[in-house]
C-alpha cells in the first residue's frame, strides 16, 4: 500500500510540474496532400517558461502546376504584407520550379503585440499574461494536424 501511495504521489507531482522541459525548442510538422498539391509545414518554436521567444516557420507548397503556385504566391504576399512592417517579423517567399517556399521568422521580444492584434485579432488567443503562450501555440499547431517533437539538448 505504501509503494502505491508513493507511486501515485510521484505521478501527481510529474503531471503537476509539466511533462516538457522548462525551456527549449519544439518542432511541429504537418504534411497535407490534395489534388496533386503537397503542403509541408514546419514550425520551430523556441520557448522559455511558458513563453514563446521566437518562431521559425517554413511552408512549402509543391505542385507541377505553375498557375497554382503563382496563385498561392499572390495570396501569401498579400497575407504577410502587413506583418512584414512589424519590428521582429520577417517573411520571405521564394518561387522555384515546382515549389513555393514561405519562410517566416518572428522574434516575439521585438513584436508590438497591440499592432499584431490589429492585423488579426485571432492572434490575441495565444496570449497569456501579456506574452505568447507556448502551450497555446503548440496546441493550435497540433489541432491543425501537426506532430510536435521536443528537441533534446545534452549538457556536458
N, C-alpha and C. Protein backbone atom coordinates (compact mmCIF):
# COMPACT_ATOMS: atom_id res chain seq x y z
N UNK A 1 0.82 -1.19 0.00
CA UNK A 1 0.00 0.00 0.00
C UNK A 1 0.86 1.26 0.00
N UNK A 2 1.95 1.22 0.77
CA UNK A 2 2.85 2.37 0.86
C UNK A 2 3.52 2.65 -0.50
N UNK A 3 3.89 1.59 -1.22
CA UNK A 3 4.51 1.74 -2.54
C UNK A 3 3.53 2.37 -3.52
N UNK A 4 2.27 1.96 -3.46
CA UNK A 4 1.24 2.51 -4.35
C UNK A 4 1.07 4.00 -4.06
N UNK A 5 1.04 4.38 -2.78
CA UNK A 5 0.88 5.78 -2.41
C UNK A 5 2.03 6.62 -2.98
N UNK A 6 3.29 6.16 -2.81
CA UNK A 6 4.44 6.92 -3.30
C UNK A 6 4.45 6.97 -4.83
N UNK A 7 4.01 5.89 -5.46
CA UNK A 7 3.92 5.90 -6.92
C UNK A 7 2.90 6.94 -7.39
N UNK A 8 1.72 6.96 -6.77
CA UNK A 8 0.69 7.94 -7.13
C UNK A 8 1.15 9.36 -6.83
N UNK A 9 1.88 9.55 -5.73
CA UNK A 9 2.42 10.87 -5.40
C UNK A 9 3.42 11.32 -6.46
N UNK A 10 4.28 10.39 -6.92
CA UNK A 10 5.25 10.69 -7.97
C UNK A 10 4.55 11.07 -9.27
N UNK A 11 3.54 10.30 -9.65
CA UNK A 11 2.81 10.58 -10.89
C UNK A 11 2.12 11.94 -10.79
N UNK A 12 1.48 12.25 -9.67
CA UNK A 12 0.82 13.53 -9.49
C UNK A 12 1.82 14.68 -9.57
N UNK A 13 2.97 14.53 -8.95
CA UNK A 13 4.00 15.59 -8.99
C UNK A 13 4.50 15.77 -10.42
N UNK A 14 4.69 14.67 -11.14
CA UNK A 14 5.16 14.74 -12.52
C UNK A 14 4.15 15.48 -13.39
N UNK A 15 2.88 15.16 -13.22
CA UNK A 15 1.85 15.79 -14.03
C UNK A 15 1.66 17.26 -13.67
N UNK A 16 1.77 17.60 -12.40
CA UNK A 16 1.58 18.98 -11.98
C UNK A 16 2.74 19.89 -12.39
N UNK A 17 3.94 19.35 -12.47
CA UNK A 17 5.09 20.17 -12.85
C UNK A 17 5.26 20.26 -14.35
N UNK A 18 4.52 19.49 -15.09
CA UNK A 18 4.59 19.55 -16.55
C UNK A 18 5.41 18.41 -17.10
N UNK A 19 5.11 18.09 -18.35
CA UNK A 19 5.75 16.95 -18.99
C UNK A 19 6.72 17.41 -20.07
N UNK A 20 7.13 18.65 -20.03
CA UNK A 20 8.03 19.15 -21.05
C UNK A 20 9.13 19.98 -20.38
N UNK A 21 10.28 20.11 -21.02
CA UNK A 21 11.36 20.89 -20.44
C UNK A 21 10.93 22.34 -20.22
N UNK A 22 11.55 23.00 -19.23
CA UNK A 22 11.21 24.38 -18.89
C UNK A 22 11.52 25.35 -20.03
N UNK A 23 12.53 25.04 -20.81
CA UNK A 23 12.86 25.86 -21.98
C UNK A 23 13.46 24.96 -23.04
N UNK A 24 13.39 25.43 -24.29
CA UNK A 24 13.94 24.62 -25.36
C UNK A 24 13.33 24.95 -26.71
N UNK A 25 13.36 23.96 -27.57
CA UNK A 25 12.85 24.11 -28.93
C UNK A 25 11.94 22.92 -29.24
N UNK A 26 10.81 23.24 -29.84
CA UNK A 26 9.87 22.21 -30.29
C UNK A 26 9.65 22.42 -31.78
N UNK A 27 9.66 21.33 -32.53
CA UNK A 27 9.36 21.41 -33.96
C UNK A 27 8.05 20.68 -34.21
N UNK A 28 7.12 21.38 -34.84
CA UNK A 28 5.82 20.80 -35.20
C UNK A 28 5.77 20.71 -36.72
N UNK A 29 5.47 19.53 -37.24
CA UNK A 29 5.47 19.31 -38.69
C UNK A 29 4.13 18.77 -39.15
N UNK A 30 3.75 19.20 -40.34
CA UNK A 30 2.48 18.78 -40.91
C UNK A 30 2.66 18.61 -42.42
N UNK A 31 1.99 17.61 -42.97
CA UNK A 31 2.01 17.38 -44.42
C UNK A 31 0.58 17.10 -44.86
N UNK A 32 0.14 17.85 -45.87
CA UNK A 32 -1.19 17.64 -46.44
C UNK A 32 -1.05 17.46 -47.94
N UNK A 33 -1.85 16.56 -48.48
CA UNK A 33 -1.85 16.32 -49.92
C UNK A 33 -3.29 16.36 -50.42
N UNK A 34 -3.50 17.13 -51.50
CA UNK A 34 -4.82 17.18 -52.10
C UNK A 34 -4.70 17.64 -53.54
N UNK A 35 -5.35 16.95 -54.44
CA UNK A 35 -5.41 17.33 -55.85
C UNK A 35 -4.03 17.66 -56.44
N UNK A 36 -3.08 16.77 -56.28
CA UNK A 36 -1.72 16.92 -56.81
C UNK A 36 -0.96 18.12 -56.23
N UNK A 37 -1.37 18.58 -55.05
CA UNK A 37 -0.66 19.65 -54.34
C UNK A 37 -0.25 19.11 -52.98
N UNK A 38 1.04 19.26 -52.66
CA UNK A 38 1.56 18.84 -51.36
C UNK A 38 1.93 20.09 -50.58
N UNK A 39 1.50 20.15 -49.32
CA UNK A 39 1.85 21.27 -48.45
C UNK A 39 2.59 20.71 -47.24
N UNK A 40 3.87 21.06 -47.14
CA UNK A 40 4.69 20.69 -45.99
C UNK A 40 4.92 21.94 -45.15
N UNK A 41 4.68 21.81 -43.85
CA UNK A 41 4.88 22.94 -42.96
C UNK A 41 5.66 22.49 -41.74
N UNK A 42 6.68 23.27 -41.39
CA UNK A 42 7.47 23.05 -40.17
C UNK A 42 7.45 24.33 -39.35
N UNK A 43 7.08 24.18 -38.08
CA UNK A 43 7.08 25.29 -37.14
C UNK A 43 8.12 24.98 -36.07
N UNK A 44 9.11 25.84 -35.90
CA UNK A 44 10.12 25.64 -34.87
C UNK A 44 9.90 26.72 -33.80
N UNK A 45 9.45 26.28 -32.62
CA UNK A 45 9.11 27.18 -31.53
C UNK A 45 10.23 27.17 -30.50
N UNK A 46 10.80 28.34 -30.22
CA UNK A 46 11.78 28.47 -29.15
C UNK A 46 11.04 29.11 -27.98
N UNK A 47 11.14 28.47 -26.80
CA UNK A 47 10.36 28.94 -25.66
C UNK A 47 11.18 28.88 -24.37
N UNK A 48 10.70 29.62 -23.38
CA UNK A 48 11.28 29.58 -22.03
C UNK A 48 10.16 29.84 -21.04
N UNK A 49 10.08 29.04 -20.05
CA UNK A 49 8.99 29.10 -19.05
C UNK A 49 7.67 28.98 -19.84
N UNK A 50 6.73 29.44 -19.89
CA UNK A 50 5.57 29.14 -20.73
C UNK A 50 5.46 30.13 -21.88
N UNK A 51 6.56 30.80 -22.20
CA UNK A 51 6.51 31.91 -23.16
C UNK A 51 7.28 31.58 -24.44
N UNK A 52 6.66 31.89 -25.57
CA UNK A 52 7.32 31.73 -26.87
C UNK A 52 8.27 32.91 -27.05
N UNK A 53 9.53 32.61 -27.34
CA UNK A 53 10.52 33.65 -27.58
C UNK A 53 10.65 33.94 -29.07
N UNK A 54 10.61 32.88 -29.88
CA UNK A 54 10.80 33.03 -31.32
C UNK A 54 10.08 31.90 -32.05
N UNK A 55 9.76 32.18 -33.30
CA UNK A 55 9.11 31.18 -34.15
C UNK A 55 9.75 31.24 -35.53
N UNK A 56 10.15 30.08 -36.04
CA UNK A 56 10.69 29.96 -37.40
C UNK A 56 9.77 29.00 -38.13
N UNK A 57 9.18 29.47 -39.22
CA UNK A 57 8.23 28.66 -39.98
C UNK A 57 8.68 28.52 -41.42
N UNK A 58 8.59 27.28 -41.93
CA UNK A 58 8.85 27.03 -43.34
C UNK A 58 7.61 26.33 -43.89
N UNK A 59 6.96 26.99 -44.84
CA UNK A 59 5.80 26.43 -45.51
C UNK A 59 6.20 26.16 -46.95
N UNK A 60 6.00 24.94 -47.38
CA UNK A 60 6.40 24.57 -48.75
C UNK A 60 5.20 23.98 -49.47
N UNK A 61 4.90 24.56 -50.64
CA UNK A 61 3.82 24.07 -51.48
C UNK A 61 4.47 23.48 -52.73
N UNK A 62 4.15 22.23 -53.01
CA UNK A 62 4.78 21.52 -54.12
C UNK A 62 3.70 21.07 -55.11
N UNK A 63 3.89 21.48 -56.36
CA UNK A 63 2.99 21.05 -57.43
C UNK A 63 3.66 21.34 -58.77
N UNK A 64 3.27 20.61 -59.78
CA UNK A 64 3.82 20.86 -61.12
C UNK A 64 3.03 21.96 -61.84
N UNK A 65 1.94 22.41 -61.24
CA UNK A 65 1.07 23.42 -61.85
C UNK A 65 1.53 24.83 -61.43
N UNK A 66 2.20 25.53 -62.35
CA UNK A 66 2.70 26.87 -62.05
C UNK A 66 1.60 27.87 -61.75
N UNK A 67 0.42 27.67 -62.32
CA UNK A 67 -0.70 28.57 -62.07
C UNK A 67 -1.10 28.52 -60.59
N UNK A 68 -1.13 27.33 -60.04
CA UNK A 68 -1.46 27.17 -58.61
C UNK A 68 -0.39 27.84 -57.76
N UNK A 69 0.88 27.63 -58.10
CA UNK A 69 1.96 28.23 -57.32
C UNK A 69 1.90 29.76 -57.34
N UNK A 70 1.62 30.32 -58.50
CA UNK A 70 1.53 31.79 -58.61
C UNK A 70 0.32 32.33 -57.84
N UNK A 71 -0.77 31.56 -57.83
CA UNK A 71 -1.95 31.97 -57.07
C UNK A 71 -1.63 31.99 -55.57
N UNK A 72 -0.98 30.94 -55.09
CA UNK A 72 -0.57 30.88 -53.68
C UNK A 72 0.42 32.00 -53.36
N UNK A 73 1.31 32.30 -54.28
CA UNK A 73 2.29 33.37 -54.07
C UNK A 73 1.56 34.71 -53.85
N UNK A 74 0.59 34.99 -54.68
CA UNK A 74 -0.19 36.23 -54.55
C UNK A 74 -0.91 36.29 -53.21
N UNK A 75 -1.52 35.18 -52.80
CA UNK A 75 -2.24 35.12 -51.53
C UNK A 75 -1.29 35.34 -50.36
N UNK A 76 -0.15 34.63 -50.37
CA UNK A 76 0.81 34.76 -49.26
C UNK A 76 1.41 36.15 -49.19
N UNK A 77 1.76 36.72 -50.32
CA UNK A 77 2.32 38.08 -50.33
C UNK A 77 1.32 39.07 -49.74
N UNK A 78 0.05 38.91 -50.07
CA UNK A 78 -0.99 39.78 -49.53
C UNK A 78 -1.15 39.56 -48.02
N UNK A 79 -1.16 38.30 -47.59
CA UNK A 79 -1.34 37.98 -46.17
C UNK A 79 -0.19 38.49 -45.31
N UNK A 80 1.03 38.40 -45.80
CA UNK A 80 2.20 38.75 -44.98
C UNK A 80 2.61 40.22 -45.10
N UNK A 81 2.05 40.96 -46.04
CA UNK A 81 2.47 42.35 -46.28
C UNK A 81 2.43 43.18 -45.00
N UNK A 82 1.32 43.18 -44.28
CA UNK A 82 1.21 43.97 -43.06
C UNK A 82 2.13 43.46 -41.95
N UNK A 83 2.26 42.16 -41.85
CA UNK A 83 3.12 41.59 -40.81
C UNK A 83 4.58 42.01 -41.01
N UNK A 84 5.02 42.05 -42.25
CA UNK A 84 6.41 42.41 -42.53
C UNK A 84 6.76 43.83 -42.09
N UNK A 85 5.75 44.65 -41.84
CA UNK A 85 6.00 46.01 -41.37
C UNK A 85 6.30 46.06 -39.87
N UNK A 86 6.07 44.95 -39.16
CA UNK A 86 6.32 44.90 -37.72
C UNK A 86 7.80 44.64 -37.44
N UNK A 87 8.35 45.32 -36.43
CA UNK A 87 9.71 45.00 -35.98
C UNK A 87 9.70 43.58 -35.43
N UNK A 88 10.72 42.83 -35.76
CA UNK A 88 10.83 41.46 -35.27
C UNK A 88 10.12 40.43 -36.11
N UNK A 89 9.55 40.85 -37.24
CA UNK A 89 8.80 39.94 -38.10
C UNK A 89 9.39 40.00 -39.50
N UNK A 90 9.74 38.84 -40.05
CA UNK A 90 10.28 38.80 -41.41
C UNK A 90 9.74 37.58 -42.14
N UNK A 91 9.20 37.83 -43.33
CA UNK A 91 8.73 36.75 -44.19
C UNK A 91 9.34 36.92 -45.57
N UNK A 92 9.76 35.79 -46.12
CA UNK A 92 10.33 35.76 -47.47
C UNK A 92 9.63 34.65 -48.25
N UNK A 93 9.26 34.95 -49.47
CA UNK A 93 8.58 33.97 -50.33
C UNK A 93 9.45 33.71 -51.55
N UNK A 94 9.74 32.44 -51.78
CA UNK A 94 10.59 32.03 -52.89
C UNK A 94 9.81 31.14 -53.83
N UNK A 95 9.74 31.53 -55.08
CA UNK A 95 9.07 30.72 -56.10
C UNK A 95 10.15 30.02 -56.91
N UNK A 96 10.12 28.70 -56.87
CA UNK A 96 11.08 27.90 -57.62
C UNK A 96 10.29 26.93 -58.49
N UNK A 97 10.97 26.32 -59.43
CA UNK A 97 10.29 25.37 -60.32
C UNK A 97 9.68 24.24 -59.48
N UNK A 98 8.37 24.15 -59.54
CA UNK A 98 7.67 23.06 -58.85
C UNK A 98 7.38 23.31 -57.38
N UNK A 99 7.80 24.46 -56.84
CA UNK A 99 7.51 24.70 -55.42
C UNK A 99 7.50 26.19 -55.07
N UNK A 100 6.81 26.48 -54.01
CA UNK A 100 6.75 27.81 -53.44
C UNK A 100 7.11 27.65 -51.97
N UNK A 101 8.08 28.42 -51.50
CA UNK A 101 8.54 28.30 -50.13
C UNK A 101 8.36 29.64 -49.43
N UNK A 102 7.68 29.61 -48.30
CA UNK A 102 7.49 30.79 -47.47
C UNK A 102 8.25 30.56 -46.16
N UNK A 103 9.18 31.46 -45.85
CA UNK A 103 10.00 31.35 -44.64
C UNK A 103 9.68 32.56 -43.76
N UNK A 104 9.27 32.29 -42.53
CA UNK A 104 8.91 33.35 -41.61
C UNK A 104 9.73 33.22 -40.33
N UNK A 105 10.28 34.34 -39.89
CA UNK A 105 10.99 34.41 -38.61
C UNK A 105 10.36 35.50 -37.76
N UNK A 106 10.00 35.13 -36.52
CA UNK A 106 9.39 36.09 -35.60
C UNK A 106 10.18 36.09 -34.30
N UNK A 107 10.60 37.26 -33.89
CA UNK A 107 11.25 37.45 -32.59
C UNK A 107 10.22 38.15 -31.72
N UNK A 108 9.59 37.40 -30.82
CA UNK A 108 8.49 37.95 -30.04
C UNK A 108 8.94 38.99 -29.02
N UNK A 109 10.23 39.07 -28.72
CA UNK A 109 10.70 40.11 -27.80
C UNK A 109 10.65 41.48 -28.46
N UNK A 110 10.59 41.50 -29.79
CA UNK A 110 10.57 42.76 -30.53
C UNK A 110 9.18 43.13 -31.04
N UNK A 111 8.26 42.19 -31.04
CA UNK A 111 6.93 42.40 -31.62
C UNK A 111 6.07 43.29 -30.72
N UNK A 112 5.42 44.26 -31.30
CA UNK A 112 4.42 45.06 -30.61
C UNK A 112 3.11 44.27 -30.70
N UNK A 113 2.70 43.67 -29.58
CA UNK A 113 1.52 42.79 -29.61
C UNK A 113 0.25 43.53 -30.01
N UNK A 114 0.12 44.79 -29.60
CA UNK A 114 -1.08 45.55 -29.98
C UNK A 114 -1.19 45.67 -31.50
N UNK A 115 -0.06 45.93 -32.16
CA UNK A 115 -0.07 46.03 -33.62
C UNK A 115 -0.33 44.67 -34.26
N UNK A 116 0.19 43.62 -33.64
CA UNK A 116 -0.05 42.26 -34.12
C UNK A 116 -1.54 41.94 -34.08
N UNK A 117 -2.21 42.35 -33.00
CA UNK A 117 -3.65 42.09 -32.84
C UNK A 117 -4.48 42.95 -33.79
N UNK A 118 -3.97 44.14 -34.13
CA UNK A 118 -4.68 44.98 -35.10
C UNK A 118 -4.74 44.30 -36.47
N UNK A 119 -3.68 43.60 -36.82
CA UNK A 119 -3.64 42.90 -38.11
C UNK A 119 -4.61 41.73 -38.10
N UNK A 120 -4.60 40.96 -37.01
CA UNK A 120 -5.51 39.82 -36.89
C UNK A 120 -5.82 39.60 -35.42
N UNK A 121 -7.04 39.87 -35.02
CA UNK A 121 -7.42 39.75 -33.61
C UNK A 121 -7.35 38.32 -33.10
N UNK A 122 -7.33 37.33 -34.00
CA UNK A 122 -7.20 35.93 -33.58
C UNK A 122 -5.86 35.67 -32.90
N UNK A 123 -4.85 36.49 -33.19
CA UNK A 123 -3.55 36.33 -32.54
C UNK A 123 -3.65 36.50 -31.03
N UNK A 124 -4.64 37.27 -30.56
CA UNK A 124 -4.80 37.52 -29.13
C UNK A 124 -5.11 36.24 -28.36
N UNK A 125 -5.65 35.24 -29.02
CA UNK A 125 -5.99 33.99 -28.33
C UNK A 125 -4.75 33.25 -27.85
N UNK A 126 -3.59 33.61 -28.36
CA UNK A 126 -2.34 32.96 -27.96
C UNK A 126 -1.66 33.64 -26.78
N UNK A 127 -2.24 34.72 -26.28
CA UNK A 127 -1.58 35.50 -25.22
C UNK A 127 -2.07 35.07 -23.85
N UNK A 128 -1.09 34.91 -22.95
CA UNK A 128 -1.37 34.64 -21.54
C UNK A 128 -0.42 35.49 -20.73
N UNK A 129 -0.94 36.30 -19.86
CA UNK A 129 -0.14 37.20 -19.02
C UNK A 129 0.73 38.13 -19.85
N UNK A 130 0.20 38.61 -20.97
CA UNK A 130 0.92 39.58 -21.79
C UNK A 130 2.02 39.00 -22.66
N UNK A 131 2.11 37.69 -22.73
CA UNK A 131 3.15 37.01 -23.54
C UNK A 131 2.49 35.95 -24.41
N UNK A 132 3.18 35.56 -25.48
CA UNK A 132 2.68 34.49 -26.34
C UNK A 132 2.87 33.17 -25.60
N UNK A 133 1.79 32.46 -25.38
CA UNK A 133 1.78 31.23 -24.58
C UNK A 133 2.27 30.03 -25.40
N UNK A 134 3.30 29.37 -24.89
CA UNK A 134 3.90 28.23 -25.59
C UNK A 134 2.90 27.09 -25.77
N UNK A 135 2.25 26.66 -24.70
CA UNK A 135 1.33 25.52 -24.81
C UNK A 135 0.15 25.85 -25.71
N UNK A 136 -0.32 27.10 -25.68
CA UNK A 136 -1.41 27.51 -26.56
C UNK A 136 -1.01 27.42 -28.03
N UNK A 137 0.20 27.91 -28.34
CA UNK A 137 0.69 27.85 -29.73
C UNK A 137 0.86 26.41 -30.18
N UNK A 138 1.47 25.60 -29.34
CA UNK A 138 1.69 24.19 -29.67
C UNK A 138 0.36 23.49 -29.92
N UNK A 139 -0.62 23.79 -29.09
CA UNK A 139 -1.94 23.16 -29.25
C UNK A 139 -2.59 23.57 -30.57
N UNK A 140 -2.45 24.82 -30.97
CA UNK A 140 -3.01 25.28 -32.26
C UNK A 140 -2.42 24.45 -33.39
N UNK A 141 -1.10 24.28 -33.39
CA UNK A 141 -0.46 23.51 -34.47
C UNK A 141 -0.89 22.04 -34.43
N UNK A 142 -0.99 21.47 -33.23
CA UNK A 142 -1.45 20.08 -33.12
C UNK A 142 -2.89 19.93 -33.59
N UNK A 143 -3.74 20.92 -33.30
CA UNK A 143 -5.12 20.86 -33.76
C UNK A 143 -5.23 20.93 -35.28
N UNK A 144 -4.20 21.50 -35.93
CA UNK A 144 -4.18 21.55 -37.40
C UNK A 144 -3.58 20.26 -37.98
N UNK A 145 -3.22 19.31 -37.11
CA UNK A 145 -2.71 18.03 -37.57
C UNK A 145 -1.21 17.87 -37.48
N UNK A 146 -0.51 18.86 -36.96
CA UNK A 146 0.95 18.78 -36.86
C UNK A 146 1.36 17.83 -35.73
N UNK A 147 2.49 17.19 -35.93
CA UNK A 147 3.11 16.34 -34.90
C UNK A 147 4.27 17.15 -34.32
N UNK A 148 4.25 17.35 -33.00
CA UNK A 148 5.27 18.17 -32.34
C UNK A 148 6.26 17.29 -31.58
N UNK A 149 7.54 17.64 -31.73
CA UNK A 149 8.61 16.90 -31.04
C UNK A 149 9.54 17.89 -30.37
N UNK A 150 9.90 17.56 -29.13
CA UNK A 150 10.85 18.38 -28.38
C UNK A 150 12.26 18.04 -28.82
N UNK A 151 13.06 19.08 -29.01
CA UNK A 151 14.46 18.87 -29.33
C UNK A 151 15.19 18.69 -28.01
N UNK A 152 15.88 17.56 -27.88
CA UNK A 152 16.59 17.25 -26.65
C UNK A 152 18.03 17.74 -26.79
N UNK A 153 18.43 18.57 -25.84
CA UNK A 153 19.82 19.02 -25.85
C UNK A 153 20.52 18.40 -24.64
N UNK A 154 21.73 17.98 -24.85
CA UNK A 154 22.51 17.37 -23.78
C UNK A 154 23.56 18.35 -23.31
N UNK A 155 23.62 18.51 -21.98
CA UNK A 155 24.63 19.39 -21.41
C UNK A 155 25.82 18.57 -20.98
N UNK A 156 27.01 19.08 -21.25
CA UNK A 156 28.23 18.35 -20.85
C UNK A 156 28.69 18.76 -19.48
